[in-house]
């Protein structure tokens, strides 16, 4: 049974609305002022909040502002109730993050339609999406059911980048985010000594190039295709819409990005604290996890020694010596840029 919190200071309106919702088989929690409503929302985590605007102690705008700052309550769909029909009130509520707006007096059908619509959209955004173009299209299509995002995904396009072609360059300002549909991409930067350091190896199904859009700063690295690659390009206007125009959509979209941020943070920590031997094994294991499904059999990884050194964060000569040690230990074989991993399990244990 879905749980709805009704925050309304008028007792008649509160009782009538509660009765309608309970007849529709919703569990209804009630609060007679904004402060009480915030406490109940934090404690009970309702599926939906219906809140009057004009209330003593804390008005509806204050309730939405406070709950919107809390990670546990910011995702809850929020419907405003008001006796005013002025457009300025509507705009203020939607700017703060409200999902819908009902003007008093409203009838039972109007109320239930608004409730059902918001709950249905919330359930849609709980869907887990595959990290493919089809999964991303599904996410965009469901995001478009929200009024503020109705025009999303109208300008997306897929572009083919040839091997060694640059997708974006360090120092330029971002104007899009990117989703790797097929191929391989590396991102990296050049240090003060002119040596490249690879910050990320992008695999199919990953987003990249989005971090600097959050604070509108120039790219801190460059992205280059390691192989012929198909990249889905999402304009920054659509990125901003996904992040800022609807709380539910933003929570889902940021969650899609967050795993990649965590992976990058973990790898930087390993680069800082691990020995070269551990870092080389870690990089090889990471490449295997990204690009190889069956790791029980020998498999080949194509990467230049220079790129591997940039990924590890050390000199090319040091990487070559470490790879030679691994070859002598029968962990891998080498032929040109191909590194064939013979014993993934033993190689992965070197990271510990």
Protein backbone atom coordinates (compact mmCIF):
# COMPACT_ATOMS: atom_id res chain seq x y z
CA UNK A 1 0.00 0.00 0.00
CA UNK A 2 1.40 3.38 -1.03
CA UNK A 3 1.98 5.86 1.80
CA UNK A 4 0.96 9.50 1.30
CA UNK A 5 1.72 12.39 3.64
CA UNK A 6 -0.89 15.19 3.61
CA UNK A 7 0.23 18.50 5.14
CA UNK A 8 -2.78 20.82 5.45
CA UNK A 9 -3.73 23.28 8.22
CA UNK A 10 -7.44 23.48 7.30
CA UNK A 11 -9.12 20.65 9.19
CA UNK A 12 -12.07 20.28 6.79
CA UNK A 13 -9.82 20.16 3.74
CA UNK A 14 -7.47 17.74 5.52
CA UNK A 15 -10.29 15.35 6.48
CA UNK A 16 -12.00 15.47 3.07
CA UNK A 17 -8.75 14.85 1.18
CA UNK A 18 -7.80 12.05 3.57
CA UNK A 19 -11.15 10.36 3.02
CA UNK A 20 -10.77 10.47 -0.78
CA UNK A 21 -7.26 9.02 -0.65
CA UNK A 22 -8.19 6.26 1.81
CA UNK A 23 -11.15 5.24 -0.37
CA UNK A 24 -8.61 4.86 -3.18
CA UNK A 25 -6.67 2.45 -0.89
CA UNK A 26 -3.78 4.71 0.04
CA UNK A 27 -2.31 4.85 3.54
CA UNK A 28 -2.57 8.49 4.63
CA UNK A 29 -0.42 10.28 7.20
CA UNK A 30 -1.51 13.81 8.15
CA UNK A 31 0.14 16.91 9.58
CA UNK A 32 -1.54 20.19 10.48
CA UNK A 33 1.50 22.42 9.88
CA UNK A 34 4.77 22.48 7.98
CA UNK A 35 7.10 21.75 10.89
CA UNK A 36 5.14 18.67 11.87
CA UNK A 37 5.03 17.58 8.24
CA UNK A 38 8.82 17.77 7.86
CA UNK A 39 9.31 15.59 10.94
CA UNK A 40 6.82 12.99 9.71
CA UNK A 41 8.37 12.93 6.23
CA UNK A 42 11.85 12.39 7.68
CA UNK A 43 10.61 9.62 9.95
CA UNK A 44 8.13 7.79 7.70
CA UNK A 45 9.63 8.26 4.21
CA UNK A 46 6.27 8.45 2.39
CA UNK A 47 5.86 7.61 -1.29
CA UNK A 48 4.27 11.01 -2.00
CA UNK A 49 3.74 14.34 -0.22
CA UNK A 50 0.71 16.60 -0.74
CA UNK A 51 1.31 19.97 0.90
CA UNK A 52 -0.62 23.22 1.29
CA UNK A 53 1.36 26.40 0.58
CA UNK A 54 -0.14 28.94 2.98
CA UNK A 55 0.36 27.53 6.50
CA UNK A 56 1.46 28.93 9.87
CA UNK A 57 4.94 28.27 11.34
CA UNK A 58 6.40 26.89 8.09
CA UNK A 59 4.78 27.33 4.69
CA UNK A 60 4.83 24.83 1.84
CA UNK A 61 7.81 26.43 0.15
CA UNK A 62 9.80 26.02 3.37
CA UNK A 63 8.74 22.37 3.65
CA UNK A 64 9.87 21.64 0.09
CA UNK A 65 13.15 23.49 0.63
CA UNK A 66 14.01 21.57 3.81
CA UNK A 67 13.06 18.16 2.43
CA UNK A 68 14.86 18.87 -0.83
CA UNK A 69 18.15 19.29 1.07
CA UNK A 70 17.89 15.85 2.70
CA UNK A 71 19.15 12.87 0.63
CA UNK A 72 16.51 10.59 2.19
CA UNK A 73 13.58 12.87 1.28
CA UNK A 74 14.71 14.84 -1.77
CA UNK A 75 13.45 12.12 -4.14
CA UNK A 76 9.85 12.04 -2.78
CA UNK A 77 7.28 13.36 -5.32
CA UNK A 78 5.75 16.61 -4.06
CA UNK A 79 2.33 18.08 -4.96
CA UNK A 80 1.42 21.60 -3.86
CA UNK A 81 -2.09 22.63 -2.80
CA UNK A 82 -3.10 26.28 -2.92
CA UNK A 83 -6.14 28.49 -3.02
CA UNK A 84 -4.25 30.85 -5.34
CA UNK A 85 -4.22 30.34 -9.08
CA UNK A 86 -1.58 32.97 -9.82
CA UNK A 87 1.10 31.92 -12.28
CA UNK A 88 3.84 33.39 -10.09
CA UNK A 89 2.97 30.91 -7.32
CA UNK A 90 3.02 28.05 -9.80
CA UNK A 91 6.40 29.05 -11.17
CA UNK A 92 7.93 29.47 -7.73
CA UNK A 93 6.76 26.02 -6.63
CA UNK A 94 8.02 24.27 -9.75
CA UNK A 95 11.35 26.11 -9.59
CA UNK A 96 11.86 24.82 -6.06
CA UNK A 97 11.28 21.28 -7.26
CA UNK A 98 7.55 20.57 -6.91
CA UNK A 99 6.25 17.85 -9.23
CA UNK A 100 2.67 19.06 -9.57
CA UNK A 101 0.25 21.75 -8.46
CA UNK A 102 -3.43 21.56 -7.53
CA UNK A 103 -5.59 24.66 -7.11
CA UNK A 104 -8.37 24.58 -4.49
CA UNK A 105 -11.15 23.68 -4.81
CA UNK A 106 -10.32 20.46 -6.65
CA UNK A 107 -12.52 17.40 -7.17
CA UNK A 108 -11.70 13.80 -6.28
CA UNK A 109 -10.90 12.79 -9.88
CA UNK A 110 -8.44 15.67 -10.30
CA UNK A 111 -6.71 14.78 -7.03
CA UNK A 112 -6.46 11.06 -7.75
CA UNK A 113 -5.24 11.62 -11.30
CA UNK A 114 -2.41 13.82 -10.01
CA UNK A 115 -1.48 11.29 -7.31
CA UNK A 116 -1.55 8.30 -9.67
CA UNK A 117 0.48 10.14 -12.30
CA UNK A 118 3.25 11.09 -9.86
CA UNK A 119 3.43 7.64 -8.28
CA UNK A 120 3.52 5.97 -11.70
CA UNK A 121 6.39 8.17 -12.85
CA UNK A 122 8.27 7.50 -9.63
CA UNK A 123 7.89 3.73 -10.17
CA UNK A 124 9.09 4.05 -13.76
CA UNK A 125 12.29 5.70 -12.60
CA UNK A 126 13.01 2.83 -10.24
CA UNK A 127 13.65 0.69 -13.31
CA UNK A 128 17.20 -0.56 -13.75
CA UNK A 129 18.53 0.30 -17.18
CA UNK A 130 21.08 -1.71 -19.12
CA UNK A 131 24.32 0.12 -19.91
CA UNK A 132 23.59 0.06 -23.65
CA UNK A 133 22.20 2.56 -26.13
CA UNK A 134 18.84 0.81 -25.81
CA UNK A 135 18.91 1.14 -22.01
CA UNK A 136 19.88 4.79 -22.26
CA UNK A 137 17.09 5.44 -24.75
CA UNK A 138 14.64 3.79 -22.36
CA UNK A 139 15.80 6.09 -19.56
CA UNK A 140 15.45 9.18 -21.76
CA UNK A 141 11.99 8.14 -22.98
CA UNK A 142 10.75 7.65 -19.43
CA UNK A 143 12.33 10.92 -18.33
CA UNK A 144 10.36 12.64 -21.10
CA UNK A 145 7.08 11.76 -19.35
CA UNK A 146 7.86 14.60 -16.93
CA UNK A 147 6.54 17.91 -18.22
CA UNK A 148 9.80 19.77 -17.57
CA UNK A 149 11.69 17.18 -19.64
CA UNK A 150 9.21 16.66 -22.47
CA UNK A 151 11.69 17.80 -25.12
CA UNK A 152 14.69 15.86 -23.82
CA UNK A 153 16.70 13.71 -26.21
CA UNK A 154 15.63 15.58 -29.35
CA UNK A 155 19.18 16.57 -30.27
CA UNK A 156 21.18 13.46 -29.42
CA UNK A 157 23.33 11.93 -32.15
CA UNK A 158 25.81 9.09 -32.60
CA UNK A 159 29.21 9.97 -34.05
CA UNK A 160 31.97 7.67 -35.29
CA UNK A 161 35.49 8.47 -34.10
CA UNK A 162 38.43 6.80 -35.83
CA UNK A 163 41.31 5.26 -33.87
CA UNK A 164 43.55 8.00 -32.34
CA UNK A 165 40.93 10.68 -33.11
CA UNK A 166 40.29 13.22 -30.32
CA UNK A 167 36.79 13.50 -28.86
CA UNK A 168 37.55 16.51 -26.68
CA UNK A 169 40.72 18.32 -25.59
CA UNK A 170 42.13 19.45 -22.26
CA UNK A 171 41.53 23.18 -21.70
CA UNK A 172 38.38 23.42 -23.84
CA UNK A 173 35.00 24.11 -22.29
CA UNK A 174 32.54 21.19 -22.39
CA UNK A 175 29.39 21.44 -24.46
CA UNK A 176 28.15 17.84 -24.14
CA UNK A 177 28.50 14.57 -22.28
CA UNK A 178 29.40 11.35 -24.02
CA UNK A 179 28.23 7.75 -23.87
CA UNK A 180 30.39 5.04 -25.42
CA UNK A 181 28.15 2.83 -27.54
CA UNK A 182 30.95 0.77 -29.09
CA UNK A 183 34.75 0.82 -29.05
CA UNK A 184 37.39 2.00 -26.56
CA UNK A 185 38.25 5.47 -25.30
CA UNK A 186 41.02 6.74 -23.05
CA UNK A 187 41.06 10.00 -21.13
CA UNK A 188 44.34 11.49 -19.97
CA UNK A 189 46.33 14.61 -19.26
CA UNK A 190 49.87 15.83 -19.83
CA UNK A 191 51.94 16.73 -16.77
CA UNK A 192 54.48 19.58 -16.54
CA UNK A 193 57.20 17.27 -17.86
CA UNK A 194 55.24 16.48 -21.02
CA UNK A 195 54.35 12.94 -19.95
CA UNK A 196 50.81 11.61 -20.40
CA UNK A 197 48.87 10.19 -17.49
CA UNK A 198 45.76 8.16 -18.35
CA UNK A 199 42.91 9.13 -16.01
CA UNK A 200 40.35 6.63 -17.29
CA UNK A 201 39.77 3.81 -19.76
CA UNK A 202 36.20 4.06 -20.93
CA UNK A 203 34.35 0.87 -21.75
CA UNK A 204 31.14 0.35 -23.69
CA UNK A 205 28.19 1.54 -21.62
CA UNK A 206 30.13 4.25 -19.78
CA UNK A 207 29.48 7.99 -19.67
CA UNK A 208 32.50 10.28 -19.85
CA UNK A 209 33.35 13.97 -20.08
CA UNK A 210 30.69 15.12 -17.62
CA UNK A 211 32.54 16.14 -14.44
CA UNK A 212 33.49 19.62 -15.65
CA UNK A 213 29.92 20.34 -16.72
CA UNK A 214 28.86 20.40 -13.07
CA UNK A 215 30.92 23.54 -12.37
CA UNK A 216 31.28 24.78 -15.97
CA UNK A 217 35.07 24.61 -15.99
CA UNK A 218 37.44 23.60 -18.81
CA UNK A 219 38.24 19.93 -19.37
CA UNK A 220 41.02 18.73 -17.09
CA UNK A 221 41.93 15.93 -19.52
CA UNK A 222 41.55 14.90 -23.15
CA UNK A 223 39.61 11.96 -24.62
CA UNK A 224 41.04 9.95 -27.51
CA UNK A 225 39.73 6.85 -29.29
CA UNK A 226 41.88 3.74 -28.75
CA UNK A 227 39.90 1.98 -31.49
CA UNK A 228 37.19 2.95 -33.96
CA UNK A 229 34.38 3.99 -31.62
CA UNK A 230 30.71 4.97 -31.79
CA UNK A 231 29.88 7.69 -29.28
CA UNK A 232 26.44 8.97 -28.32
CA UNK A 233 26.60 12.74 -27.73
CA UNK A 234 24.17 14.39 -25.30
CA UNK A 235 24.18 18.23 -25.48
CA UNK A 236 24.91 20.03 -22.21
CA UNK A 237 21.42 21.60 -22.19
CA UNK A 238 19.93 18.13 -21.91
CA UNK A 239 22.48 17.18 -19.25
CA UNK A 240 21.48 20.22 -17.18
CA UNK A 241 17.81 19.38 -17.65
CA UNK A 242 18.36 15.84 -16.37
CA UNK A 243 20.30 17.06 -13.35
CA UNK A 244 18.34 20.17 -12.37
CA UNK A 245 14.75 20.04 -13.66
CA UNK A 246 13.30 17.06 -11.81
CA UNK A 247 14.45 15.51 -8.54
CA UNK A 248 13.47 11.93 -9.38
CA UNK A 249 15.14 11.99 -12.78
CA UNK A 250 18.23 13.69 -11.34
CA UNK A 251 18.58 11.05 -8.61
CA UNK A 252 18.36 8.25 -11.18
CA UNK A 253 20.72 9.90 -13.65
CA UNK A 254 23.34 10.76 -11.02
CA UNK A 255 23.18 7.18 -9.77
CA UNK A 256 24.01 6.03 -13.31
CA UNK A 257 27.12 8.23 -13.17
CA UNK A 258 28.16 7.62 -9.56
CA UNK A 259 29.70 4.15 -10.01
CA UNK A 260 32.18 5.56 -12.52
CA UNK A 261 33.17 8.34 -10.11
CA UNK A 262 33.72 5.79 -7.35
CA UNK A 263 35.83 3.60 -9.65
CA UNK A 264 38.03 6.56 -10.58
CA UNK A 265 38.49 7.58 -6.94
CA UNK A 266 39.48 4.03 -5.99
CA UNK A 267 42.01 3.80 -8.82
CA UNK A 268 43.63 7.11 -7.87
CA UNK A 269 44.04 5.87 -4.30
CA UNK A 270 45.70 2.71 -5.59
CA UNK A 271 48.05 4.76 -7.75
CA UNK A 272 49.03 6.81 -4.73
CA UNK A 273 49.69 4.00 -2.26
CA UNK A 274 50.46 0.77 -4.13
CA UNK A 275 53.84 -0.45 -5.35
CA UNK A 276 54.60 -0.47 -9.08
CA UNK A 277 54.14 -4.25 -9.20
CA UNK A 278 50.71 -3.95 -7.61
CA UNK A 279 49.77 -1.03 -9.84
CA UNK A 280 50.70 -2.91 -13.03
CA UNK A 281 48.72 -5.96 -11.94
CA UNK A 282 45.82 -3.72 -10.91
CA UNK A 283 45.80 -2.03 -14.30
CA UNK A 284 45.86 -5.35 -16.16
CA UNK A 285 43.03 -6.68 -14.00
CA UNK A 286 41.04 -3.51 -14.59
CA UNK A 287 41.51 -3.87 -18.35
CA UNK A 288 40.40 -7.49 -18.14
CA UNK A 289 37.32 -6.60 -16.11
CA UNK A 290 36.36 -3.90 -18.55
CA UNK A 291 36.96 -5.66 -21.85
CA UNK A 292 36.91 -9.42 -21.23
CA UNK A 293 33.94 -11.54 -20.14
CA UNK A 294 35.45 -15.03 -19.83
CA UNK A 295 38.54 -14.76 -17.66
CA UNK A 296 38.92 -18.50 -17.03
CA UNK A 297 40.78 -18.89 -20.33
CA UNK A 298 43.83 -17.03 -21.69
CA UNK A 299 42.83 -13.78 -23.35
CA UNK A 300 44.64 -10.94 -25.10
CA UNK A 301 44.66 -7.24 -24.24
CA UNK A 302 45.80 -4.76 -26.89
CA UNK A 303 47.52 -1.75 -25.34
CA UNK A 304 50.82 -0.01 -26.06
CA UNK A 305 53.49 0.01 -23.38
CA UNK A 306 53.29 3.82 -23.33
CA UNK A 307 49.52 3.77 -22.68
CA UNK A 308 49.93 1.12 -19.99
CA UNK A 309 52.65 3.22 -18.34
CA UNK A 310 50.34 6.24 -18.42
CA UNK A 311 47.61 4.15 -16.85
CA UNK A 312 49.93 2.85 -14.13
CA UNK A 313 51.48 6.25 -13.54
CA UNK A 314 55.14 5.32 -14.01
CA UNK A 315 57.89 5.23 -16.65
CA UNK A 316 57.51 3.04 -19.73
CA UNK A 317 60.79 1.27 -18.93
CA UNK A 318 59.51 0.36 -15.47
CA UNK A 319 56.35 -1.13 -16.93
CA UNK A 320 58.35 -3.16 -19.45
CA UNK A 321 60.53 -4.59 -16.68
CA UNK A 322 57.48 -5.47 -14.58
CA UNK A 323 55.76 -7.14 -17.53
CA UNK A 324 58.91 -9.15 -18.14
CA UNK A 325 58.80 -10.33 -14.53
CA UNK A 326 55.17 -11.36 -14.98
CA UNK A 327 56.11 -13.22 -18.16
CA UNK A 328 58.88 -15.09 -16.31
CA UNK A 329 56.30 -16.06 -13.68
CA UNK A 330 54.03 -17.47 -16.44
CA UNK A 331 51.31 -14.95 -15.70
CA UNK A 332 51.24 -13.57 -19.24
CA UNK A 333 52.76 -13.60 -22.69
CA UNK A 334 53.71 -10.61 -24.86
CA UNK A 335 53.79 -10.09 -28.61
CA UNK A 336 53.93 -6.53 -29.88
CA UNK A 337 51.14 -4.50 -28.27
CA UNK A 338 49.26 -7.70 -27.37
CA UNK A 339 49.46 -8.90 -23.77
CA UNK A 340 47.93 -12.33 -23.28
CA UNK A 341 46.88 -12.98 -19.70
CA UNK A 342 47.47 -16.65 -18.86
CA UNK A 343 46.46 -16.71 -15.21
CA UNK A 344 43.92 -14.04 -14.29
CA UNK A 345 43.30 -15.41 -10.80
CA UNK A 346 46.97 -15.35 -9.79
CA UNK A 347 47.48 -11.93 -11.39
CA UNK A 348 44.53 -10.49 -9.45
CA UNK A 349 46.00 -11.79 -6.17
CA UNK A 350 49.09 -9.62 -6.70
CA UNK A 351 46.93 -6.57 -5.93
CA UNK A 352 46.47 -7.66 -2.31
